[in-house]
């Protein structure tokens, strides 16, 4: 009789332990610095080299470019920038993107970096790549960004408007094409 009680208690304790480990745990988080090491040092160098520009680190590419074209073209473009981030995005005072600046640890660009640069080049965005083995001076950074800025100054800003039928036969314009069919 005691053996049955002992066996029953063992099964009960084992099942309680098993259920305790099977229950979903509450997720735990801790804060971490956005930039550290050479990335933070390079960010501070960028800020001091480019006082007339706004520099933002770790910007999602989907916030900078919008894929256009048919479904296959959009799919290719989305695959090209799939969850990727630009190292540093440099904007002028009018918040127009001047260039994307990348800090690389390798001595030359990888295939992924080259493919990403090609995708951004199709959107008219220049990627300036610097290598951490040879940190550039503020003058080199400023000259590279200013050279890119001079190419952009003469380019007209494109504003796309979609015509949406309004009441009484008039057309109104929507400044944001993605929100035309939004449902509230």
Protein backbone atom coordinates (compact mmCIF):
# COMPACT_ATOMS: atom_id res chain seq x y z
CA UNK A 1 0.00 0.00 0.00
CA UNK A 2 2.83 2.39 0.84
CA UNK A 3 4.47 1.57 -2.48
CA UNK A 4 1.32 2.58 -4.37
CA UNK A 5 1.08 5.87 -2.44
CA UNK A 6 4.79 6.57 -3.09
CA UNK A 7 4.39 5.75 -6.79
CA UNK A 8 1.29 7.98 -7.01
CA UNK A 9 3.10 10.90 -5.31
CA UNK A 10 6.09 10.47 -7.65
CA UNK A 11 3.84 10.56 -10.71
CA UNK A 12 2.02 13.60 -9.33
CA UNK A 13 5.25 15.53 -8.64
CA UNK A 14 6.71 14.56 -12.04
CA UNK A 15 3.57 15.70 -13.85
CA UNK A 16 3.57 19.02 -11.94
CA UNK A 17 7.20 19.63 -12.88
CA UNK A 18 6.48 18.71 -16.50
CA UNK A 19 3.51 21.15 -16.66
CA UNK A 20 5.57 23.88 -14.99
CA UNK A 21 8.16 23.68 -17.78
CA UNK A 22 5.51 23.44 -20.51
CA UNK A 23 3.75 26.66 -19.50
CA UNK A 24 4.66 29.61 -21.69
CA UNK A 25 7.15 31.83 -19.95
CA UNK A 26 6.65 35.56 -19.88
CA UNK A 27 9.16 37.18 -22.22
CA UNK A 28 11.97 39.06 -20.59
CA UNK A 29 13.74 42.02 -22.12
CA UNK A 30 16.70 44.17 -21.37
CA UNK A 31 17.76 47.40 -23.01
CA UNK A 32 20.81 47.52 -25.21
CA UNK A 33 22.73 50.37 -26.79
CA UNK A 34 21.75 51.24 -30.33
CA UNK A 35 25.38 51.72 -31.39
CA UNK A 36 28.54 50.50 -29.75
CA UNK A 37 32.24 50.30 -30.47
CA UNK A 38 33.39 51.43 -33.91
CA UNK A 39 29.82 52.14 -35.03
CA UNK A 40 29.35 54.73 -32.28
CA UNK A 41 32.76 56.24 -32.98
CA UNK A 42 31.97 56.47 -36.71
CA UNK A 43 28.55 58.00 -35.99
CA UNK A 44 30.18 60.73 -33.92
CA UNK A 45 32.72 61.31 -36.70
CA UNK A 46 29.87 61.59 -39.24
CA UNK A 47 28.02 64.11 -37.08
CA UNK A 48 31.09 66.29 -36.62
CA UNK A 49 32.05 66.00 -40.32
CA UNK A 50 28.54 66.84 -41.54
CA UNK A 51 27.17 69.69 -39.38
CA UNK A 52 24.84 70.87 -42.19
CA UNK A 53 23.25 67.44 -42.57
CA UNK A 54 21.10 65.23 -40.37
CA UNK A 55 22.55 61.76 -39.81
CA UNK A 56 20.34 58.91 -38.61
CA UNK A 57 21.77 55.49 -37.69
CA UNK A 58 20.14 52.12 -38.37
CA UNK A 59 17.30 53.26 -40.66
CA UNK A 60 15.07 50.58 -42.20
CA UNK A 61 15.38 50.53 -45.99
CA UNK A 62 11.61 50.21 -46.28
CA UNK A 63 11.40 53.72 -44.80
CA UNK A 64 13.70 55.10 -47.50
CA UNK A 65 12.52 53.42 -50.71
CA UNK A 66 9.17 52.27 -52.00
CA UNK A 67 9.06 49.48 -54.59
CA UNK A 68 7.21 50.30 -57.80
CA UNK A 69 6.08 48.30 -60.78
CA UNK A 70 4.06 45.17 -61.23
CA UNK A 71 3.71 42.35 -58.71
CA UNK A 72 6.87 40.55 -59.82
CA UNK A 73 8.91 43.75 -59.76
CA UNK A 74 7.60 44.67 -56.34
CA UNK A 75 8.35 41.17 -55.03
CA UNK A 76 11.93 41.37 -56.38
CA UNK A 77 12.39 44.79 -54.79
CA UNK A 78 11.00 43.64 -51.45
CA UNK A 79 13.28 40.59 -51.51
CA UNK A 80 16.22 42.88 -52.26
CA UNK A 81 15.68 44.96 -49.12
CA UNK A 82 14.14 42.24 -46.97
CA UNK A 83 14.32 43.48 -43.35
CA UNK A 84 17.56 45.31 -43.97
CA UNK A 85 18.80 48.51 -42.43
CA UNK A 86 21.03 51.24 -43.72
CA UNK A 87 24.02 51.87 -41.48
CA UNK A 88 23.59 55.65 -41.56
CA UNK A 89 21.18 57.75 -43.62
CA UNK A 90 22.33 61.29 -44.42
CA UNK A 91 19.63 63.90 -45.06
CA UNK A 92 19.89 67.55 -46.02
CA UNK A 93 18.01 70.36 -44.27
CA UNK A 94 14.92 69.70 -46.45
CA UNK A 95 14.95 66.06 -45.27
CA UNK A 96 15.86 64.80 -48.74
CA UNK A 97 18.02 61.69 -48.65
CA UNK A 98 21.52 62.56 -49.84
CA UNK A 99 23.29 59.24 -49.34
CA UNK A 100 23.47 56.08 -47.34
CA UNK A 101 26.77 55.61 -45.52
CA UNK A 102 27.92 52.13 -44.56
CA UNK A 103 30.78 51.09 -42.31
CA UNK A 104 32.18 47.72 -43.34
CA UNK A 105 34.63 45.49 -41.48
CA UNK A 106 35.76 43.64 -44.57
CA UNK A 107 38.40 44.87 -46.97
CA UNK A 108 35.92 44.67 -49.86
CA UNK A 109 32.17 44.51 -50.32
CA UNK A 110 30.42 41.15 -50.04
CA UNK A 111 27.93 39.84 -52.58
CA UNK A 112 24.99 40.88 -50.38
CA UNK A 113 26.38 44.38 -49.98
CA UNK A 114 26.98 44.66 -53.73
CA UNK A 115 23.44 43.46 -54.49
CA UNK A 116 21.99 45.91 -51.97
CA UNK A 117 24.04 48.76 -53.44
CA UNK A 118 22.69 47.86 -56.90
CA UNK A 119 19.09 47.88 -55.63
CA UNK A 120 19.59 51.28 -54.02
CA UNK A 121 21.32 52.60 -57.15
CA UNK A 122 18.18 51.69 -59.14
CA UNK A 123 16.25 53.97 -56.79
CA UNK A 124 18.80 56.75 -57.37
CA UNK A 125 20.39 56.43 -53.92
CA UNK A 126 24.17 56.39 -53.65
CA UNK A 127 25.81 54.17 -51.04
CA UNK A 128 29.07 55.48 -49.64
CA UNK A 129 31.04 52.62 -48.14
CA UNK A 130 33.89 53.16 -45.71
CA UNK A 131 36.02 50.47 -44.11
CA UNK A 132 36.75 50.26 -40.40
CA UNK A 133 40.31 49.12 -41.06
CA UNK A 134 41.00 52.57 -42.54
CA UNK A 135 38.68 54.99 -40.74
CA UNK A 136 38.18 58.02 -42.99
CA UNK A 137 38.92 61.54 -41.83
CA UNK A 138 36.20 64.15 -41.50
CA UNK A 139 37.45 65.86 -44.68
CA UNK A 140 37.14 62.66 -46.73
CA UNK A 141 33.60 62.08 -45.44
CA UNK A 142 32.55 65.69 -46.06
CA UNK A 143 33.97 65.67 -49.62
CA UNK A 144 32.23 62.38 -50.48
CA UNK A 145 28.83 63.54 -49.18
CA UNK A 146 29.15 67.00 -50.75
CA UNK A 147 30.01 65.41 -54.10
CA UNK A 148 26.88 63.28 -53.84
CA UNK A 149 24.83 66.31 -52.77
CA UNK A 150 25.94 68.28 -55.84
CA UNK A 151 24.56 65.50 -58.05
CA UNK A 152 21.21 65.64 -56.27
CA UNK A 153 20.78 69.44 -56.30
CA UNK A 154 19.97 69.53 -60.01
CA UNK A 155 17.56 66.59 -59.82
CA UNK A 156 13.90 67.68 -59.57
CA UNK A 157 11.89 66.33 -56.68
CA UNK A 158 9.19 63.96 -57.90
CA UNK A 159 5.83 64.20 -56.23
CA UNK A 160 3.40 61.47 -57.18
CA UNK A 161 -0.31 62.09 -56.92
CA UNK A 162 -3.04 59.63 -57.68
CA UNK A 163 -6.35 60.90 -58.95
CA UNK A 164 -9.23 59.75 -56.83
CA UNK A 165 -12.84 60.30 -57.87
CA UNK A 166 -14.53 62.72 -55.51
CA UNK A 167 -18.19 63.51 -55.13
CA UNK A 168 -19.84 65.63 -57.85
CA UNK A 169 -17.53 64.39 -60.60
CA UNK A 170 -14.44 66.33 -59.48
CA UNK A 171 -11.07 64.69 -59.00
CA UNK A 172 -9.04 65.15 -55.86
CA UNK A 173 -5.39 64.27 -55.40
CA UNK A 174 -3.92 61.91 -52.84
CA UNK A 175 -0.34 62.66 -51.85
CA UNK A 176 0.22 59.17 -50.40
CA UNK A 177 -0.62 56.42 -52.89
CA UNK A 178 -0.41 53.69 -50.26
CA UNK A 179 -3.31 55.14 -48.28
CA UNK A 180 -5.79 55.41 -51.14
CA UNK A 181 -7.50 52.13 -50.39
CA UNK A 182 -7.05 52.21 -46.64
CA UNK A 183 -10.10 51.15 -44.68
CA UNK A 184 -10.86 52.66 -41.34
